[in-house]
Amino acid sequence: MTALDVGVMRVRPEKEWVAIALMGGFAEVDNDEVTILVRGAERGDSIDQDEARTAFEAAQAAATSTSPDDRRAALQAKQDLRRARARLQAAGGSVS
């Protein structure tokens, strides 16, 4: 068993690879079978790339404008940025 962070997982259910944005959770490997339990997931091909880019840029702006003295707000902004980045990457967008 292992913890999963927010990020992108790529799976190949048939002939094509599919990107999925994961919102953190757990994975277990047992007898060559992987079981994944996550807080949320979204297929990359169902995410609008322009909308995801706009959300990512807004999350970047919020993360840089949050005061480091407000630890709770800073942590939330950082988590929102990680989620927005995962969605954009799963949609096929590049992140600089």
Protein backbone atom coordinates (compact mmCIF):
# COMPACT_ATOMS: atom_id res chain seq x y z
CA MET A 1 0.00 0.00 0.00
CA THR A 2 1.22 3.50 -0.81
CA ALA A 3 -0.09 7.03 -0.69
CA LEU A 4 -0.82 8.84 -3.95
CA ASP A 5 -0.28 12.56 -4.30
CA VAL A 6 -2.19 14.93 -6.55
CA GLY A 7 -0.99 14.34 -10.11
CA VAL A 8 -1.56 12.58 -13.40
CA MET A 9 -1.79 8.84 -13.92
CA ARG A 10 -1.67 7.31 -17.37
CA VAL A 11 -3.43 4.01 -18.01
CA ARG A 12 -3.80 1.89 -21.09
CA PRO A 13 -7.16 0.12 -20.90
CA GLU A 14 -7.00 -0.83 -24.59
CA LYS A 15 -4.70 0.39 -27.37
CA GLU A 16 -4.54 4.08 -26.41
CA TRP A 17 -3.09 5.69 -23.29
CA VAL A 18 -5.52 7.73 -21.20
CA ALA A 19 -4.43 10.49 -18.80
CA ILE A 20 -6.35 10.82 -15.56
CA ALA A 21 -6.00 13.68 -13.07
CA LEU A 22 -5.91 12.18 -9.56
CA MET A 23 -6.67 14.21 -6.46
CA GLY A 24 -4.67 12.07 -4.06
CA GLY A 25 -5.47 8.79 -2.36
CA PHE A 26 -3.99 5.32 -1.98
CA ALA A 27 -2.82 2.45 -4.19
CA GLU A 28 -2.28 -1.21 -3.43
CA VAL A 29 -0.53 -3.81 -5.56
CA ASP A 30 -1.38 -7.44 -4.88
CA ASN A 31 -0.82 -10.43 -7.19
CA ASP A 32 -0.12 -8.22 -10.23
CA GLU A 33 -3.35 -6.29 -9.67
CA VAL A 34 -3.44 -2.59 -8.79
CA THR A 35 -6.28 -1.17 -6.72
CA ILE A 36 -6.54 2.62 -6.51
CA LEU A 37 -8.74 4.59 -4.12
CA VAL A 38 -8.67 8.36 -4.68
CA ARG A 39 -10.47 11.44 -3.39
CA GLY A 40 -11.33 12.43 -6.95
CA ALA A 41 -10.35 11.65 -10.52
CA GLU A 42 -11.07 13.14 -13.92
CA ARG A 43 -10.23 11.75 -17.35
CA GLY A 44 -8.04 14.13 -19.32
CA ASP A 45 -10.14 13.77 -22.46
CA SER A 46 -13.16 15.14 -20.57
CA ILE A 47 -11.34 18.30 -19.40
CA ASP A 48 -11.58 21.47 -21.48
CA GLN A 49 -7.95 22.52 -21.96
CA ASP A 50 -8.69 26.26 -22.22
CA GLU A 51 -10.76 26.17 -19.04
CA ALA A 52 -8.05 24.17 -17.28
CA ARG A 53 -5.37 26.69 -18.36
CA THR A 54 -7.49 29.60 -17.08
CA ALA A 55 -8.00 27.82 -13.75
CA PHE A 56 -4.26 27.06 -13.52
CA GLU A 57 -3.30 30.68 -14.16
CA ALA A 58 -5.83 31.87 -11.56
CA ALA A 59 -4.48 29.36 -9.04
CA GLN A 60 -0.91 30.53 -9.77
CA ALA A 61 -1.92 34.14 -9.16
CA ALA A 62 -3.70 33.22 -5.92
CA ALA A 63 -0.70 31.20 -4.70
CA THR A 64 1.73 34.05 -5.31
CA SER A 65 -0.53 36.69 -3.77
CA THR A 66 -1.33 34.76 -0.58
CA SER A 67 0.52 36.02 2.47
CA PRO A 68 2.94 33.43 3.89
CA ASP A 69 1.87 34.61 7.34
CA ASP A 70 -1.60 33.16 6.71
CA ARG A 71 -0.48 29.53 6.76
CA ARG A 72 -3.93 28.10 6.24
CA ALA A 73 -4.64 30.23 3.16
CA ALA A 74 -1.14 29.56 1.79
CA LEU A 75 -1.59 25.78 2.15
CA GLN A 76 -5.01 25.94 0.49
CA ALA A 77 -3.66 28.04 -2.38
CA LYS A 78 -0.80 25.58 -2.87
CA GLN A 79 -3.19 22.62 -2.92
CA ASP A 80 -5.50 24.41 -5.37
CA LEU A 81 -2.50 25.07 -7.62
CA ARG A 82 -1.47 21.40 -7.55
CA ARG A 83 -5.00 20.31 -8.50
CA ALA A 84 -5.21 22.86 -11.31
CA ARG A 85 -1.79 21.74 -12.61
CA ALA A 86 -2.85 18.08 -12.62
CA ARG A 87 -6.07 18.89 -14.52
CA LEU A 88 -4.18 20.93 -17.12
CA GLN A 89 -1.53 18.26 -17.62
CA ALA A 90 -4.16 15.50 -17.91
CA ALA A 91 -5.95 17.61 -20.55
CA GLY A 92 -2.71 17.66 -22.56
CA GLY A 93 -1.58 21.17 -21.67
CA SER A 94 1.98 22.01 -20.78
CA VAL A 95 2.92 23.68 -17.51
CA SER A 96 5.91 25.98 -17.16
